[in-house]
Amino acid sequence: MRHLLNMLYKAATVLAACCLLAIAVLVTLQVLGRLLDGARGLFGMDPLGLLVPSLAEIAGFLLVGASFLALAGTLRNADHIRVSILLQAVTPSIARLLNIWCLAVAAAFAVFFTWHAGALAYDSYLYNEVSFGIIPIPLVYPQIVMALGLLVLAIALLDDLISSVMGGPISFETVERDDLIEGVE
């Protein structure tokens, strides 16, 4: 089961990276098209009008996808910002209880937002909602990606919650501890 969960977190992170790569490719194509049109203008030729239609909108959707798909991976790798001043000031057993409480609250919020993001995507599907750009993109696609990212985050939080309740390690604490040890060596 651990292997499957780790594969899920890695797959979501890879999809997030693919979204960022797609943004980079689209922006590069847009810039190259403008450069080519500018060069044609210097030689007295008419511009071809090379552009990526709805680039800003598509890039925005891809950025939302990258942001939400990366949530679980960044949690598991201790890349989220955590304020742990209180945890350092209390005993390890109280710190563990506070971490369990935080994970439970975060998991509840993640499940809540996953449910509502899924409902939003379903409504967009039912009513055939599309974006207002040059290319009418069905809104269900970016909304499903957002809901998927939230679902993977909810699974990661529940994974850590169950692990901590059972007395096991919490992923982000393990990574932080390993980073601290490597920094000392």
N, C-alpha and C. Protein backbone atom coordinates (compact mmCIF):
# COMPACT_ATOMS: atom_id res chain seq x y z
N MET A 1 0.82 -1.19 0.00
CA MET A 1 0.00 0.00 0.00
C MET A 1 0.87 1.27 0.00
N ARG A 2 1.95 1.24 0.78
CA ARG A 2 2.85 2.39 0.86
C ARG A 2 3.41 2.72 -0.52
N HIS A 3 3.78 1.68 -1.26
CA HIS A 3 4.34 1.88 -2.60
C HIS A 3 3.32 2.55 -3.53
N LEU A 4 2.06 2.10 -3.47
CA LEU A 4 1.02 2.68 -4.31
C LEU A 4 0.77 4.15 -3.96
N LEU A 5 0.74 4.45 -2.66
CA LEU A 5 0.52 5.84 -2.25
C LEU A 5 1.68 6.73 -2.70
N ASN A 6 2.90 6.25 -2.52
CA ASN A 6 4.06 7.03 -2.96
C ASN A 6 4.04 7.25 -4.47
N MET A 7 3.60 6.23 -5.21
CA MET A 7 3.48 6.38 -6.67
C MET A 7 2.42 7.42 -7.02
N LEU A 8 1.31 7.43 -6.27
CA LEU A 8 0.25 8.42 -6.50
C LEU A 8 0.78 9.83 -6.27
N TYR A 9 1.51 10.04 -5.18
CA TYR A 9 2.04 11.36 -4.88
C TYR A 9 3.05 11.79 -5.95
N LYS A 10 3.88 10.86 -6.37
CA LYS A 10 4.88 11.17 -7.40
C LYS A 10 4.19 11.46 -8.74
N ALA A 11 3.16 10.69 -9.08
CA ALA A 11 2.45 10.91 -10.35
C ALA A 11 1.81 12.29 -10.37
N ALA A 12 1.21 12.70 -9.25
CA ALA A 12 0.60 14.03 -9.19
C ALA A 12 1.67 15.11 -9.35
N THR A 13 2.83 14.90 -8.74
CA THR A 13 3.91 15.88 -8.84
C THR A 13 4.44 15.94 -10.27
N VAL A 14 4.55 14.80 -10.93
CA VAL A 14 5.01 14.78 -12.32
C VAL A 14 3.99 15.48 -13.22
N LEU A 15 2.70 15.27 -12.98
CA LEU A 15 1.67 15.97 -13.76
C LEU A 15 1.75 17.48 -13.54
N ALA A 16 2.05 17.89 -12.31
CA ALA A 16 2.23 19.32 -12.02
C ALA A 16 3.39 19.88 -12.82
N ALA A 17 4.48 19.13 -12.86
CA ALA A 17 5.65 19.56 -13.64
C ALA A 17 5.30 19.63 -15.13
N CYS A 18 4.49 18.70 -15.61
CA CYS A 18 4.08 18.72 -17.02
C CYS A 18 3.25 19.97 -17.32
N CYS A 19 2.40 20.38 -16.38
CA CYS A 19 1.63 21.61 -16.56
C CYS A 19 2.57 22.81 -16.70
N LEU A 20 3.59 22.88 -15.84
CA LEU A 20 4.55 23.99 -15.93
C LEU A 20 5.33 23.94 -17.24
N LEU A 21 5.69 22.74 -17.67
CA LEU A 21 6.39 22.59 -18.94
C LEU A 21 5.51 23.04 -20.10
N ALA A 22 4.23 22.70 -20.06
CA ALA A 22 3.31 23.13 -21.12
C ALA A 22 3.20 24.65 -21.16
N ILE A 23 3.17 25.30 -19.99
CA ILE A 23 3.15 26.76 -19.96
C ILE A 23 4.40 27.31 -20.64
N ALA A 24 5.55 26.76 -20.29
CA ALA A 24 6.81 27.23 -20.86
C ALA A 24 6.83 27.06 -22.38
N VAL A 25 6.35 25.92 -22.87
CA VAL A 25 6.33 25.67 -24.31
C VAL A 25 5.39 26.65 -25.02
N LEU A 26 4.21 26.85 -24.46
CA LEU A 26 3.25 27.77 -25.09
C LEU A 26 3.76 29.21 -25.12
N VAL A 27 4.34 29.64 -24.02
CA VAL A 27 4.88 31.01 -23.98
C VAL A 27 6.05 31.14 -24.96
N THR A 28 6.90 30.12 -25.05
CA THR A 28 8.02 30.15 -25.99
C THR A 28 7.50 30.23 -27.43
N LEU A 29 6.48 29.45 -27.74
CA LEU A 29 5.90 29.51 -29.09
C LEU A 29 5.34 30.90 -29.38
N GLN A 30 4.68 31.49 -28.39
CA GLN A 30 4.13 32.84 -28.57
C GLN A 30 5.24 33.85 -28.82
N VAL A 31 6.32 33.77 -28.04
CA VAL A 31 7.44 34.70 -28.21
C VAL A 31 8.10 34.49 -29.56
N LEU A 32 8.33 33.25 -29.95
CA LEU A 32 8.94 32.98 -31.25
C LEU A 32 8.06 33.49 -32.39
N GLY A 33 6.76 33.32 -32.26
CA GLY A 33 5.84 33.84 -33.27
C GLY A 33 5.92 35.35 -33.39
N ARG A 34 6.01 36.04 -32.26
CA ARG A 34 6.13 37.50 -32.30
C ARG A 34 7.48 37.94 -32.88
N LEU A 35 8.52 37.20 -32.53
CA LEU A 35 9.84 37.51 -33.09
C LEU A 35 9.84 37.34 -34.61
N LEU A 36 9.24 36.27 -35.08
CA LEU A 36 9.17 36.02 -36.52
C LEU A 36 8.36 37.10 -37.22
N ASP A 37 7.24 37.47 -36.60
CA ASP A 37 6.44 38.55 -37.19
C ASP A 37 7.21 39.87 -37.19
N GLY A 38 7.95 40.13 -36.11
CA GLY A 38 8.77 41.35 -36.05
C GLY A 38 9.86 41.35 -37.11
N ALA A 39 10.50 40.20 -37.31
CA ALA A 39 11.55 40.10 -38.33
C ALA A 39 10.96 40.28 -39.72
N ARG A 40 9.80 39.74 -39.97
CA ARG A 40 9.15 39.92 -41.27
C ARG A 40 8.83 41.39 -41.50
N GLY A 41 8.43 42.09 -40.43
CA GLY A 41 8.13 43.52 -40.54
C GLY A 41 9.37 44.33 -40.88
N LEU A 42 10.53 43.93 -40.36
CA LEU A 42 11.78 44.63 -40.67
C LEU A 42 12.14 44.52 -42.15
N PHE A 43 11.74 43.44 -42.78
CA PHE A 43 12.05 43.23 -44.19
C PHE A 43 10.90 43.67 -45.10
N GLY A 44 9.95 44.41 -44.53
CA GLY A 44 8.85 44.93 -45.33
C GLY A 44 7.78 43.92 -45.67
N MET A 45 7.80 42.79 -45.01
CA MET A 45 6.79 41.76 -45.27
C MET A 45 5.65 41.90 -44.27
N ASP A 46 4.49 41.45 -44.68
CA ASP A 46 3.35 41.48 -43.76
C ASP A 46 3.54 40.42 -42.68
N PRO A 47 3.15 40.75 -41.43
CA PRO A 47 3.25 39.75 -40.36
C PRO A 47 2.26 38.62 -40.59
N LEU A 48 2.63 37.45 -40.14
CA LEU A 48 1.75 36.28 -40.28
C LEU A 48 0.69 36.24 -39.18
N GLY A 49 0.91 37.00 -38.11
CA GLY A 49 -0.04 36.99 -37.00
C GLY A 49 0.05 35.71 -36.19
N LEU A 50 1.27 35.21 -36.04
CA LEU A 50 1.46 33.97 -35.30
C LEU A 50 1.24 34.23 -33.80
N LEU A 51 0.30 33.54 -33.23
CA LEU A 51 0.05 33.66 -31.80
C LEU A 51 -0.64 32.41 -31.29
N VAL A 52 -0.58 32.25 -30.00
CA VAL A 52 -1.29 31.14 -29.35
C VAL A 52 -2.59 31.73 -28.82
N PRO A 53 -3.72 31.40 -29.44
CA PRO A 53 -4.99 31.98 -28.98
C PRO A 53 -5.30 31.58 -27.54
N SER A 54 -5.82 32.52 -26.78
CA SER A 54 -6.20 32.30 -25.37
C SER A 54 -5.03 31.86 -24.52
N LEU A 55 -3.82 32.34 -24.84
CA LEU A 55 -2.63 31.92 -24.10
C LEU A 55 -2.74 32.23 -22.61
N ALA A 56 -3.16 33.43 -22.28
CA ALA A 56 -3.24 33.81 -20.86
C ALA A 56 -4.21 32.91 -20.11
N GLU A 57 -5.32 32.62 -20.74
CA GLU A 57 -6.32 31.77 -20.10
C GLU A 57 -5.83 30.33 -19.95
N ILE A 58 -5.24 29.81 -21.00
CA ILE A 58 -4.72 28.44 -20.96
C ILE A 58 -3.59 28.34 -19.93
N ALA A 59 -2.71 29.33 -19.92
CA ALA A 59 -1.62 29.33 -18.95
C ALA A 59 -2.17 29.41 -17.53
N GLY A 60 -3.22 30.19 -17.34
CA GLY A 60 -3.86 30.27 -16.02
C GLY A 60 -4.42 28.93 -15.58
N PHE A 61 -5.09 28.24 -16.49
CA PHE A 61 -5.63 26.92 -16.17
C PHE A 61 -4.52 25.93 -15.85
N LEU A 62 -3.45 25.98 -16.63
CA LEU A 62 -2.31 25.08 -16.38
C LEU A 62 -1.63 25.41 -15.06
N LEU A 63 -1.56 26.68 -14.71
CA LEU A 63 -0.96 27.07 -13.44
C LEU A 63 -1.80 26.58 -12.26
N VAL A 64 -3.11 26.67 -12.39
CA VAL A 64 -4.00 26.12 -11.36
C VAL A 64 -3.76 24.61 -11.24
N GLY A 65 -3.68 23.95 -12.37
CA GLY A 65 -3.42 22.50 -12.35
C GLY A 65 -2.10 22.18 -11.68
N ALA A 66 -1.05 22.92 -12.03
CA ALA A 66 0.26 22.68 -11.42
C ALA A 66 0.21 22.92 -9.92
N SER A 67 -0.44 23.99 -9.52
CA SER A 67 -0.49 24.33 -8.10
C SER A 67 -1.22 23.26 -7.29
N PHE A 68 -2.36 22.83 -7.76
CA PHE A 68 -3.15 21.85 -7.00
C PHE A 68 -2.55 20.45 -7.07
N LEU A 69 -2.02 20.07 -8.22
CA LEU A 69 -1.43 18.73 -8.33
C LEU A 69 -0.16 18.60 -7.50
N ALA A 70 0.52 19.70 -7.24
CA ALA A 70 1.77 19.65 -6.47
C ALA A 70 1.55 19.66 -4.96
N LEU A 71 0.33 19.88 -4.50
CA LEU A 71 0.09 20.02 -3.06
C LEU A 71 0.53 18.80 -2.26
N ALA A 72 0.15 17.61 -2.67
CA ALA A 72 0.49 16.41 -1.90
C ALA A 72 1.99 16.15 -1.90
N GLY A 73 2.62 16.29 -3.05
CA GLY A 73 4.06 16.05 -3.12
C GLY A 73 4.85 17.02 -2.27
N THR A 74 4.44 18.28 -2.28
CA THR A 74 5.16 19.25 -1.46
C THR A 74 4.91 19.01 0.02
N LEU A 75 3.73 18.54 0.38
CA LEU A 75 3.47 18.18 1.78
C LEU A 75 4.38 17.03 2.20
N ARG A 76 4.44 16.01 1.40
CA ARG A 76 5.24 14.83 1.74
C ARG A 76 6.73 15.13 1.78
N ASN A 77 7.17 16.13 1.02
CA ASN A 77 8.60 16.48 0.99
C ASN A 77 8.94 17.62 1.94
N ALA A 78 7.99 18.00 2.80
CA ALA A 78 8.19 19.07 3.79
C ALA A 78 8.51 20.40 3.12
N ASP A 79 7.90 20.67 1.98
CA ASP A 79 8.12 21.92 1.27
C ASP A 79 7.04 22.96 1.56
N HIS A 80 6.01 22.59 2.31
CA HIS A 80 5.01 23.57 2.73
C HIS A 80 5.60 24.38 3.88
N ILE A 81 5.16 25.59 4.01
CA ILE A 81 5.62 26.43 5.13
C ILE A 81 4.87 25.99 6.38
N ARG A 82 5.64 25.64 7.40
CA ARG A 82 5.05 25.26 8.69
C ARG A 82 5.67 26.13 9.76
N VAL A 83 4.83 26.62 10.64
CA VAL A 83 5.32 27.39 11.78
C VAL A 83 5.32 26.42 12.96
N SER A 84 6.50 26.05 13.39
CA SER A 84 6.62 25.02 14.43
C SER A 84 7.18 25.56 15.74
N ILE A 85 7.04 26.86 15.99
CA ILE A 85 7.57 27.44 17.23
C ILE A 85 6.90 26.79 18.43
N LEU A 86 5.57 26.64 18.39
CA LEU A 86 4.85 26.03 19.49
C LEU A 86 5.28 24.58 19.69
N LEU A 87 5.48 23.85 18.59
CA LEU A 87 5.87 22.45 18.69
C LEU A 87 7.24 22.29 19.34
N GLN A 88 8.10 23.26 19.18
CA GLN A 88 9.44 23.19 19.79
C GLN A 88 9.40 23.56 21.26
N ALA A 89 8.34 24.24 21.70
CA ALA A 89 8.25 24.71 23.08
C ALA A 89 7.54 23.73 24.01
N VAL A 90 6.96 22.68 23.45
CA VAL A 90 6.23 21.70 24.28
C VAL A 90 6.95 20.36 24.25
N THR A 91 6.50 19.48 25.10
CA THR A 91 7.11 18.14 25.16
C THR A 91 6.81 17.38 23.88
N PRO A 92 7.62 16.38 23.56
CA PRO A 92 7.37 15.61 22.33
C PRO A 92 5.99 14.96 22.27
N SER A 93 5.45 14.52 23.40
CA SER A 93 4.13 13.88 23.38
C SER A 93 3.03 14.91 23.07
N ILE A 94 3.16 16.10 23.62
CA ILE A 94 2.18 17.14 23.32
C ILE A 94 2.35 17.60 21.87
N ALA A 95 3.58 17.71 21.41
CA ALA A 95 3.83 18.08 20.02
C ALA A 95 3.19 17.06 19.08
N ARG A 96 3.28 15.80 19.43
CA ARG A 96 2.67 14.75 18.61
C ARG A 96 1.15 14.92 18.57
N LEU A 97 0.55 15.21 19.72
CA LEU A 97 -0.91 15.43 19.76
C LEU A 97 -1.30 16.66 18.95
N LEU A 98 -0.51 17.71 19.04
CA LEU A 98 -0.79 18.91 18.24
C LEU A 98 -0.67 18.61 16.74
N ASN A 99 0.32 17.83 16.37
CA ASN A 99 0.46 17.44 14.96
C ASN A 99 -0.73 16.61 14.50
N ILE A 100 -1.17 15.69 15.34
CA ILE A 100 -2.34 14.87 15.00
C ILE A 100 -3.57 15.75 14.83
N TRP A 101 -3.75 16.71 15.75
CA TRP A 101 -4.88 17.62 15.65
C TRP A 101 -4.81 18.43 14.36
N CYS A 102 -3.63 18.97 14.05
CA CYS A 102 -3.46 19.76 12.82
C CYS A 102 -3.73 18.92 11.57
N LEU A 103 -3.23 17.69 11.57
CA LEU A 103 -3.47 16.80 10.42
C LEU A 103 -4.95 16.48 10.28
N ALA A 104 -5.65 16.28 11.40
CA ALA A 104 -7.09 15.98 11.35
C ALA A 104 -7.86 17.17 10.79
N VAL A 105 -7.54 18.38 11.26
CA VAL A 105 -8.22 19.58 10.77
C VAL A 105 -7.91 19.79 9.29
N ALA A 106 -6.64 19.66 8.92
CA ALA A 106 -6.25 19.84 7.52
C ALA A 106 -6.91 18.81 6.62
N ALA A 107 -6.97 17.56 7.08
CA ALA A 107 -7.62 16.51 6.29
C ALA A 107 -9.11 16.80 6.13
N ALA A 108 -9.75 17.28 7.19
CA ALA A 108 -11.18 17.62 7.11
C ALA A 108 -11.40 18.74 6.09
N PHE A 109 -10.56 19.77 6.14
CA PHE A 109 -10.68 20.85 5.16
C PHE A 109 -10.42 20.34 3.75
N ALA A 110 -9.42 19.49 3.58
CA ALA A 110 -9.09 18.98 2.24
C ALA A 110 -10.24 18.14 1.68
N VAL A 111 -10.85 17.31 2.52
CA VAL A 111 -11.99 16.51 2.07
C VAL A 111 -13.16 17.42 1.71
N PHE A 112 -13.41 18.42 2.54
CA PHE A 112 -14.49 19.38 2.28
C PHE A 112 -14.28 20.08 0.94
N PHE A 113 -13.07 20.61 0.73
CA PHE A 113 -12.80 21.32 -0.52
C PHE A 113 -12.78 20.39 -1.72
N THR A 114 -12.32 19.15 -1.53
CA THR A 114 -12.36 18.18 -2.62
C THR A 114 -13.79 17.91 -3.06
N TRP A 115 -14.66 17.72 -2.08
CA TRP A 115 -16.07 17.46 -2.38
C TRP A 115 -16.68 18.61 -3.17
N HIS A 116 -16.43 19.83 -2.72
CA HIS A 116 -17.04 20.98 -3.38
C HIS A 116 -16.38 21.29 -4.72
N ALA A 117 -15.10 21.04 -4.87
CA ALA A 117 -14.46 21.22 -6.17
C ALA A 117 -15.00 20.20 -7.17
N GLY A 118 -15.23 18.97 -6.70
CA GLY A 118 -15.84 17.95 -7.55
C GLY A 118 -17.26 18.33 -7.95
N ALA A 119 -18.02 18.89 -7.00
CA ALA A 119 -19.39 19.33 -7.30
C ALA A 119 -19.38 20.48 -8.31
N LEU A 120 -18.42 21.38 -8.17
CA LEU A 120 -18.29 22.49 -9.12
C LEU A 120 -18.00 21.96 -10.52
N ALA A 121 -17.07 21.00 -10.61
CA ALA A 121 -16.74 20.42 -11.91
C ALA A 121 -17.96 19.70 -12.50
N TYR A 122 -18.69 19.02 -11.65
CA TYR A 122 -19.89 18.31 -12.13
C TYR A 122 -20.93 19.30 -12.65
N ASP A 123 -21.14 20.41 -11.95
CA ASP A 123 -22.07 21.43 -12.42
C ASP A 123 -21.62 22.02 -13.76
N SER A 124 -20.32 22.27 -13.88
CA SER A 124 -19.81 22.80 -15.15
C SER A 124 -20.03 21.81 -16.28
N TYR A 125 -19.90 20.53 -15.97
CA TYR A 125 -20.15 19.49 -16.96
C TYR A 125 -21.63 19.48 -17.36
N LEU A 126 -22.51 19.51 -16.34
CA LEU A 126 -23.95 19.45 -16.62
C LEU A 126 -24.43 20.63 -17.46
N TYR A 127 -23.90 21.81 -17.18
CA TYR A 127 -24.37 23.02 -17.86
C TYR A 127 -23.47 23.44 -19.02
N ASN A 128 -22.52 22.58 -19.39
CA ASN A 128 -21.62 22.85 -20.52
C ASN A 128 -20.99 24.25 -20.43
N GLU A 129 -20.49 24.61 -19.27
CA GLU A 129 -19.87 25.91 -19.09
C GLU A 129 -18.51 25.95 -19.78
N VAL A 130 -18.24 27.06 -20.46
CA VAL A 130 -16.98 27.24 -21.16
C VAL A 130 -16.37 28.58 -20.76
N SER A 131 -15.09 28.71 -21.02
CA SER A 131 -14.39 29.96 -20.71
C SER A 131 -14.78 31.03 -21.73
N PHE A 132 -14.42 32.28 -21.42
CA PHE A 132 -14.81 33.40 -22.27
C PHE A 132 -13.73 33.80 -23.27
N GLY A 133 -12.64 33.07 -23.36
CA GLY A 133 -11.53 33.45 -24.24
C GLY A 133 -11.84 33.19 -25.70
N ILE A 134 -10.81 33.41 -26.52
CA ILE A 134 -10.94 33.17 -27.96
C ILE A 134 -11.31 31.72 -28.21
N ILE A 135 -10.67 30.82 -27.46
CA ILE A 135 -11.00 29.39 -27.55
C ILE A 135 -11.92 29.07 -26.37
N PRO A 136 -13.14 28.66 -26.63
CA PRO A 136 -14.03 28.32 -25.51
C PRO A 136 -13.65 26.96 -24.91
N ILE A 137 -12.96 27.00 -23.80
CA ILE A 137 -12.49 25.78 -23.14
C ILE A 137 -13.54 25.34 -22.13
N PRO A 138 -13.98 24.09 -22.18
CA PRO A 138 -14.92 23.61 -21.16
C PRO A 138 -14.28 23.73 -19.77
N LEU A 139 -14.97 24.40 -18.87
CA LEU A 139 -14.42 24.64 -17.53
C LEU A 139 -14.29 23.37 -16.70
N VAL A 140 -14.96 22.31 -17.12
CA VAL A 140 -14.88 21.07 -16.36
C VAL A 140 -13.45 20.53 -16.33
N TYR A 141 -12.66 20.78 -17.37
CA TYR A 141 -11.30 20.23 -17.42
C TYR A 141 -10.38 20.83 -16.35
N PRO A 142 -10.24 22.14 -16.28
CA PRO A 142 -9.38 22.65 -15.19
C PRO A 142 -9.97 22.38 -13.81
N GLN A 143 -11.29 22.34 -13.72
CA GLN A 143 -11.91 22.09 -12.41
C GLN A 143 -11.69 20.65 -11.97
N ILE A 144 -11.69 19.71 -12.89
CA ILE A 144 -11.41 18.32 -12.52
C ILE A 144 -9.97 18.16 -12.06
N VAL A 145 -9.05 18.86 -12.73
CA VAL A 145 -7.65 18.80 -12.33
C VAL A 145 -7.49 19.37 -10.92
N MET A 146 -8.19 20.46 -10.64
CA MET A 146 -8.15 21.06 -9.31
C MET A 146 -8.70 20.08 -8.27
N ALA A 147 -9.83 19.45 -8.57
CA ALA A 147 -10.42 18.49 -7.65
C ALA A 147 -9.50 17.27 -7.46
N LEU A 148 -8.85 16.85 -8.53
CA LEU A 148 -7.91 15.73 -8.43
C LEU A 148 -6.74 16.07 -7.52
N GLY A 149 -6.19 17.27 -7.68
CA GLY A 149 -5.09 17.69 -6.81
C GLY A 149 -5.52 17.75 -5.36
N LEU A 150 -6.73 18.25 -5.11
CA LEU A 150 -7.25 18.29 -3.74
C LEU A 150 -7.49 16.88 -3.19
N LEU A 151 -7.95 15.98 -4.04
CA LEU A 151 -8.16 14.60 -3.61
C LEU A 151 -6.85 13.94 -3.20
N VAL A 152 -5.82 14.14 -3.99
CA VAL A 152 -4.51 13.56 -3.66
C VAL A 152 -3.97 14.18 -2.38
N LEU A 153 -4.19 15.49 -2.18
CA LEU A 153 -3.79 16.13 -0.93
C LEU A 153 -4.55 15.54 0.25
N ALA A 154 -5.85 15.34 0.10
CA ALA A 154 -6.65 14.74 1.17
C ALA A 154 -6.14 13.34 1.52
N ILE A 155 -5.80 12.57 0.49
CA ILE A 155 -5.25 11.23 0.73
C ILE A 155 -3.93 11.32 1.47
N ALA A 156 -3.06 12.26 1.07
CA ALA A 156 -1.77 12.42 1.74
C ALA A 156 -1.94 12.82 3.20
N LEU A 157 -2.88 13.73 3.46
CA LEU A 157 -3.12 14.15 4.84
C LEU A 157 -3.69 13.00 5.66
N LEU A 158 -4.63 12.26 5.09
CA LEU A 158 -5.19 11.09 5.80
C LEU A 158 -4.12 10.03 6.01
N ASP A 159 -3.24 9.86 5.05
CA ASP A 159 -2.12 8.92 5.17
C ASP A 159 -1.25 9.29 6.37
N ASP A 160 -0.87 10.56 6.45
CA ASP A 160 -0.06 11.02 7.58
C ASP A 160 -0.83 10.96 8.89
N LEU A 161 -2.11 11.28 8.86
CA LEU A 161 -2.93 11.22 10.07
C LEU A 161 -3.00 9.80 10.61
N ILE A 162 -3.29 8.85 9.75
CA ILE A 162 -3.38 7.45 10.17
C ILE A 162 -2.03 6.97 10.67
N SER A 163 -0.98 7.33 9.96
CA SER A 163 0.37 6.94 10.38
C SER A 163 0.70 7.49 11.76
N SER A 164 0.38 8.75 12.00
CA SER A 164 0.72 9.35 13.29
C SER A 164 -0.15 8.80 14.42
N VAL A 165 -1.42 8.54 14.16
CA VAL A 165 -2.30 7.96 15.18
C VAL A 165 -1.83 6.55 15.55
N MET A 166 -1.32 5.82 14.57
CA MET A 166 -0.83 4.46 14.82
C MET A 166 0.57 4.45 15.43
N GLY A 167 1.13 5.64 15.67
CA GLY A 167 2.46 5.72 16.28
C GLY A 167 3.61 5.78 15.30
N GLY A 168 3.29 5.85 14.03
CA GLY A 168 4.33 5.90 13.00
C GLY A 168 4.81 7.32 12.75
N PRO A 169 5.75 7.46 11.84
CA PRO A 169 6.29 8.79 11.55
C PRO A 169 5.35 9.60 10.65
N ILE A 170 5.49 10.91 10.75
CA ILE A 170 4.77 11.82 9.87
C ILE A 170 5.75 12.19 8.76
N SER A 171 5.30 12.13 7.52
CA SER A 171 6.21 12.27 6.37
C SER A 171 7.04 13.54 6.43
N PHE A 172 6.40 14.68 6.67
CA PHE A 172 7.15 15.93 6.62
C PHE A 172 8.12 16.07 7.79
N GLU A 173 7.81 15.47 8.94
CA GLU A 173 8.76 15.51 10.06
C GLU A 173 9.97 14.64 9.76
N THR A 174 9.74 13.50 9.12
CA THR A 174 10.84 12.61 8.75
C THR A 174 11.79 13.31 7.78
N VAL A 175 11.23 14.00 6.79
CA VAL A 175 12.05 14.71 5.81
C VAL A 175 12.80 15.84 6.48
N GLU A 176 12.12 16.60 7.35
CA GLU A 176 12.78 17.70 8.06
C GLU A 176 13.93 17.18 8.92
N ARG A 177 13.70 16.06 9.61
CA ARG A 177 14.73 15.47 10.46
C ARG A 177 15.91 15.01 9.61
N ASP A 178 15.63 14.37 8.49
CA ASP A 178 16.71 13.90 7.60
C ASP A 178 17.52 15.08 7.03
N ASP A 179 16.81 16.17 6.68
CA ASP A 179 17.50 17.36 6.18
C ASP A 179 18.37 17.98 7.25
N LEU A 180 17.89 17.98 8.49
CA LEU A 180 18.66 18.52 9.60
C LEU A 180 19.91 17.71 9.84
N ILE A 181 19.78 16.39 9.79
CA ILE A 181 20.93 15.50 9.99
C ILE A 181 21.96 15.69 8.88
N GLU A 182 21.50 15.79 7.63
CA GLU A 182 22.41 16.00 6.50
C GLU A 182 23.13 17.33 6.61
N GLY A 183 22.46 18.36 7.14
CA GLY A 183 23.06 19.67 7.29
C GLY A 183 24.15 19.68 8.35
N VAL A 184 24.04 18.80 9.36
CA VAL A 184 25.02 18.74 10.44
C VAL A 184 26.28 18.00 9.98
N GLU A 185 26.10 17.02 9.13
CA GLU A 185 27.23 16.19 8.69
C GLU A 185 28.16 16.88 7.78
